[in-house]
Protein backbone atom coordinates (compact mmCIF):
# COMPACT_ATOMS: atom_id res chain seq x y z
CA MET A 1 0.00 0.00 0.00
CA LYS A 2 1.31 3.45 -0.93
CA ASN A 3 0.40 5.78 1.93
CA ILE A 4 -0.19 9.49 1.37
CA ALA A 5 -0.17 12.17 4.05
CA VAL A 6 -2.03 15.44 3.57
CA PHE A 7 -1.00 18.60 5.42
CA ALA A 8 -3.78 21.20 5.71
CA SER A 9 -4.60 24.24 7.84
CA GLY A 10 -8.19 25.05 6.94
CA SER A 11 -11.53 23.70 5.84
CA GLY A 12 -10.09 20.65 4.12
CA THR A 13 -12.14 20.41 0.94
CA ASN A 14 -9.04 19.50 -1.09
CA ALA A 15 -7.99 16.98 1.56
CA GLU A 16 -11.43 15.38 1.50
CA ASN A 17 -11.33 15.28 -2.30
CA LEU A 18 -7.95 13.50 -2.16
CA ILE A 19 -9.17 11.01 0.45
CA ARG A 20 -12.21 10.13 -1.65
CA PHE A 21 -10.23 9.95 -4.90
CA PHE A 22 -7.61 7.56 -3.55
CA ARG A 23 -10.27 5.26 -2.14
CA THR A 24 -10.94 4.39 -5.78
CA LYS A 25 -7.27 3.62 -6.49
CA PRO A 26 -6.12 0.14 -5.46
CA GLY A 27 -2.82 0.16 -3.62
CA LYS A 28 -2.95 3.87 -2.68
CA GLN A 29 -4.62 5.68 0.18
CA VAL A 30 -4.57 8.87 2.20
CA SER A 31 -3.65 7.37 5.55
CA LEU A 32 -2.96 10.50 7.56
CA VAL A 33 -4.03 14.14 7.74
CA LEU A 34 -1.80 16.55 9.64
CA SER A 35 -2.63 20.09 10.71
CA ASN A 36 -1.08 22.95 12.60
CA LYS A 37 -4.52 24.11 13.79
CA ARG A 38 -6.42 22.09 16.37
CA GLU A 39 -9.69 23.76 15.31
CA ALA A 40 -9.20 23.21 11.55
CA GLU A 41 -12.27 21.75 9.87
CA VAL A 42 -10.01 19.38 7.91
CA LEU A 43 -9.55 17.31 11.08
CA GLN A 44 -13.29 16.69 11.36
CA ARG A 45 -13.53 15.84 7.66
CA ALA A 46 -10.71 13.31 8.03
CA ASP A 47 -12.27 11.84 11.17
CA ASN A 48 -15.64 11.51 9.41
CA LEU A 49 -13.88 9.56 6.65
CA GLY A 50 -11.97 7.32 9.07
CA VAL A 51 -8.55 8.83 8.37
CA GLN A 52 -6.15 9.29 11.26
CA THR A 53 -5.03 12.80 12.17
CA PHE A 54 -2.11 14.46 13.90
CA VAL A 55 -1.94 18.04 15.21
CA PHE A 56 1.33 19.83 15.85
CA ASP A 57 2.63 23.28 16.73
CA ARG A 58 5.67 25.23 15.56
CA THR A 59 7.94 23.72 18.21
CA ILE A 60 6.98 20.16 17.26
CA LEU A 61 7.42 20.85 13.52
CA TYR A 62 10.60 22.91 13.57
CA GLU A 63 12.45 21.84 16.71
CA SER A 64 11.82 18.11 16.89
CA GLU A 65 11.61 15.00 14.74
CA LYS A 66 8.08 14.18 15.98
CA VAL A 67 6.30 14.91 12.68
CA LEU A 68 8.84 12.84 10.76
CA ASP A 69 8.42 10.04 13.31
CA VAL A 70 4.64 10.11 12.81
CA LEU A 71 5.08 9.99 9.02
CA ARG A 72 7.43 7.03 9.33
CA THR A 73 5.11 5.22 11.77
CA HIS A 74 2.32 5.50 9.19
CA LYS A 75 4.70 4.38 6.42
CA VAL A 76 3.99 7.55 4.44
CA GLY A 77 5.68 7.61 1.06
CA PHE A 78 4.20 10.80 -0.40
CA ILE A 79 3.07 14.14 1.03
CA ALA A 80 0.50 16.53 -0.44
CA LEU A 81 -0.01 20.02 0.91
CA ALA A 82 -3.60 21.21 0.63
CA GLY A 83 -3.96 24.67 2.10
CA PHE A 84 -1.05 24.30 4.50
CA LEU A 85 0.49 27.70 5.18
CA TRP A 86 3.80 26.99 6.94
CA LEU A 87 7.13 26.24 5.32
CA ILE A 88 8.09 22.58 5.34
CA PRO A 89 11.30 22.02 7.34
CA VAL A 90 14.43 21.18 5.37
CA SER A 91 14.75 17.91 7.31
CA MET A 92 11.39 16.76 5.93
CA ILE A 93 12.25 17.87 2.39
CA ARG A 94 15.44 15.80 2.63
CA ALA A 95 13.54 12.80 4.00
CA TYR A 96 11.02 12.99 1.11
CA PRO A 97 13.00 14.21 -1.92
CA GLY A 98 10.70 14.78 -4.88
CA ARG A 99 7.78 13.40 -2.87
CA ILE A 100 6.23 16.56 -1.39
CA VAL A 101 3.90 18.63 -3.56
CA ASN A 102 1.74 21.69 -3.07
CA ILE A 103 -1.17 23.21 -4.92
CA HIS A 104 -1.27 26.99 -5.28
CA PRO A 105 -4.43 28.89 -6.30
CA ALA A 106 -2.73 31.02 -8.97
CA LEU A 107 -0.31 30.71 -11.84
CA LEU A 108 3.20 30.73 -10.42
CA PRO A 109 5.66 32.34 -10.47
CA GLY A 110 3.23 35.26 -10.15
CA TYR A 111 1.04 35.67 -7.07
CA GLY A 112 3.07 33.37 -4.87
CA GLY A 113 5.18 33.66 -1.77
CA LYS A 114 4.60 34.35 1.90
CA GLY A 115 1.16 35.75 2.57
CA MET A 116 -0.22 34.91 -0.88
CA TYR A 117 -3.01 32.45 -0.16
CA GLY A 118 -6.77 32.21 -0.40
CA LYS A 119 -8.71 35.40 -0.96
CA ARG A 120 -5.53 37.50 -1.00
CA VAL A 121 -4.33 35.76 -4.15
CA HIS A 122 -7.61 36.17 -5.99
CA GLN A 123 -7.91 39.82 -4.94
CA ALA A 124 -4.42 40.55 -6.27
CA VAL A 125 -5.14 38.79 -9.58
CA ILE A 126 -8.34 40.82 -10.05
CA GLU A 127 -6.77 44.14 -8.98
CA ASN A 128 -3.95 43.64 -11.48
CA GLY A 129 -6.42 43.15 -14.33
CA GLU A 130 -5.27 39.66 -15.24
CA SER A 131 -7.33 37.90 -17.91
CA ARG A 132 -6.30 34.39 -16.77
CA SER A 133 -5.67 32.71 -13.46
CA GLY A 134 -5.51 29.08 -12.45
CA ILE A 135 -3.71 26.56 -10.34
CA THR A 136 -0.10 25.49 -10.05
CA ILE A 137 0.96 22.13 -8.67
CA HIS A 138 4.63 22.23 -7.73
CA TYR A 139 7.30 20.42 -5.77
CA VAL A 140 8.00 21.81 -2.33
CA ASN A 141 11.38 23.24 -1.44
CA GLU A 142 12.60 25.45 1.41
CA LYS A 143 10.88 28.61 0.08
CA TYR A 144 7.22 29.52 -0.33
CA ASP A 145 5.82 28.57 -3.75
CA ASP A 146 9.28 28.23 -5.27
CA GLY A 147 9.62 24.55 -6.20
CA ASP A 148 9.63 23.27 -9.76
CA VAL A 149 6.25 23.48 -11.48
CA ILE A 150 4.68 20.11 -12.25
CA PHE A 151 1.33 21.16 -13.72
CA GLN A 152 -0.78 24.24 -14.38
CA ALA A 153 -4.40 24.68 -15.46
CA THR A 154 -6.05 27.98 -16.27
CA CYS A 155 -9.41 29.69 -16.19
CA GLU A 156 -10.73 33.04 -17.34
CA VAL A 157 -10.81 36.02 -15.00
CA LYS A 158 -14.05 37.85 -15.79
CA GLU A 159 -14.52 41.60 -15.48
CA THR A 160 -17.34 40.95 -13.02
CA ASP A 161 -15.33 38.59 -10.83
CA THR A 162 -15.05 38.96 -7.09
CA PRO A 163 -12.41 37.07 -5.11
CA GLU A 164 -15.18 34.63 -4.15
CA SER A 165 -16.42 33.98 -7.70
CA LEU A 166 -12.87 33.50 -8.98
CA ALA A 167 -12.09 31.21 -6.03
CA GLU A 168 -15.04 29.03 -7.00
CA ARG A 169 -13.61 28.39 -10.47
CA ILE A 170 -10.12 27.86 -9.04
CA HIS A 171 -11.50 25.28 -6.56
CA ARG A 172 -13.09 23.36 -9.45
CA LEU A 173 -9.68 23.22 -11.16
CA GLU A 174 -8.08 22.02 -7.92
CA TYR A 175 -10.64 19.27 -7.38
CA THR A 176 -10.39 18.16 -11.01
CA HIS A 177 -6.60 18.07 -11.38
CA TYR A 178 -4.80 17.68 -8.04
CA PRO A 179 -5.75 14.03 -7.35
CA GLY A 180 -4.83 12.86 -10.84
CA VAL A 181 -1.48 14.63 -10.86
CA ILE A 182 -0.60 13.12 -7.47
CA ASP A 183 -1.70 9.68 -8.71
CA GLU A 184 0.64 9.96 -11.72
CA LEU A 185 3.53 11.17 -9.58
CA ILE A 186 3.15 8.24 -7.17
CA ASP A 187 3.15 5.83 -10.11
CA ARG A 188 6.56 7.21 -11.12
CA ILE A 189 8.13 6.56 -7.71
């Protein structure tokens, strides 16, 4: 069994989508959801779907090996970030070379970096008069939104868009493409 861990900080719709997708893929499963927020809705979604969870704080993530120990205990071979807003420690990147990916709700290299997430990204795209936005799936390195791009998909930015209406189209792209890209990447390992 190829075990996938999902790191998330928020509502967890992408995490839930990944859990459900991999239930249809023999030999692969999301076996663990990790969060830095005890109150994150993603934890309840995972629990409702029978997936184990682990909550950590900055000290546990950055000053101990506890998160890596949990990943090893669950025999995790691949990590997907789904709305996780902290940098991944270098020790974890080294332990999982080429096996940690993130999805960003804009077309990188634009509209990325520290503080560029959620509504902020969509607001910036609209304010700058962009005609296209989309998603970027990329490898994780030691900087925010800086790893090599694996896949991008685009959508139109309409003159009437609000951050919320643009986010809705971006979410559809995420739900459509993220699971399949991860599935292909795991097959290559």
